Protein backbone atom coordinates (compact mmCIF):
# COMPACT_ATOMS: atom_id res chain seq x y z
CA UNK A 1 92.89 16.92 -53.42
CA UNK A 2 91.19 19.49 -55.83
CA UNK A 3 89.82 16.12 -57.33
CA UNK A 4 87.95 15.33 -53.89
CA UNK A 5 86.23 19.02 -53.84
CA UNK A 6 84.83 18.87 -57.48
CA UNK A 7 83.43 15.94 -56.71
CA UNK A 8 81.84 17.38 -53.84
CA UNK A 9 80.83 19.81 -56.08
CA UNK A 10 79.51 17.64 -58.44
CA UNK A 11 77.72 15.67 -56.43
CA UNK A 12 75.93 18.89 -54.63
CA UNK A 13 74.93 20.34 -58.00
CA UNK A 14 73.71 16.65 -59.21
CA UNK A 15 72.13 16.35 -55.35
CA UNK A 16 70.65 19.90 -56.30
CA UNK A 17 69.18 19.15 -59.71
CA UNK A 18 67.28 16.03 -58.88
CA UNK A 19 65.40 17.58 -56.13
CA UNK A 20 64.66 20.13 -58.31
CA UNK A 21 63.53 17.66 -60.86
CA UNK A 22 61.09 15.33 -57.84
CA UNK A 23 59.92 19.77 -57.72
CA UNK A 24 59.03 20.19 -60.90
CA UNK A 25 57.53 16.24 -61.51
CA UNK A 26 54.93 16.60 -58.21
CA UNK A 27 54.46 20.44 -59.77
CA UNK A 28 53.42 18.62 -62.76
CA UNK A 29 51.43 15.92 -61.43
CA UNK A 30 49.37 18.57 -60.23
CA UNK A 31 48.81 21.07 -62.33
CA UNK A 32 47.40 17.65 -64.28
CA UNK A 33 44.64 17.01 -61.94
CA UNK A 34 43.97 21.01 -61.87
CA UNK A 35 43.39 20.09 -65.36
CA UNK A 36 41.02 17.34 -64.68
CA UNK A 37 39.03 19.05 -62.55
CA UNK A 38 38.64 22.58 -64.54
CA UNK A 39 37.76 20.13 -67.23
CA UNK A 40 35.07 18.64 -65.31
CA UNK A 41 34.03 21.80 -64.48
CA UNK A 42 33.93 22.82 -67.69
CA UNK A 43 32.47 19.56 -68.80
CA UNK A 44 29.19 19.67 -66.48
CA UNK A 45 29.01 23.46 -67.31
CA UNK A 46 28.92 22.14 -70.79
CA UNK A 47 25.79 19.87 -70.25
CA UNK A 48 24.27 21.85 -67.18
CA UNK A 49 23.17 25.09 -70.38
CA UNK A 50 22.37 22.53 -72.58
CA UNK A 51 19.61 21.10 -70.02
CA UNK A 52 18.69 24.61 -70.40
CA UNK A 53 18.48 25.44 -73.49
CA UNK A 54 16.34 22.86 -74.39
CA UNK A 55 13.09 23.23 -76.20
CA UNK A 56 10.51 23.04 -73.48
CA UNK A 57 7.90 20.01 -75.26
CA UNK A 58 4.19 21.52 -74.97
């Protein structure tokens, strides 16, 4: 009987760990997307600043 209780605990723990792993993977994917968006904003800003500093031709 103790074996059955132990197995249920292990199953529950594994399920909890798997849920946490899925949640972590989703969070990592969300953070990667934020990094991409931030990189795009930085690149756009750098490009606009570079265009603003171009010497004017007479």
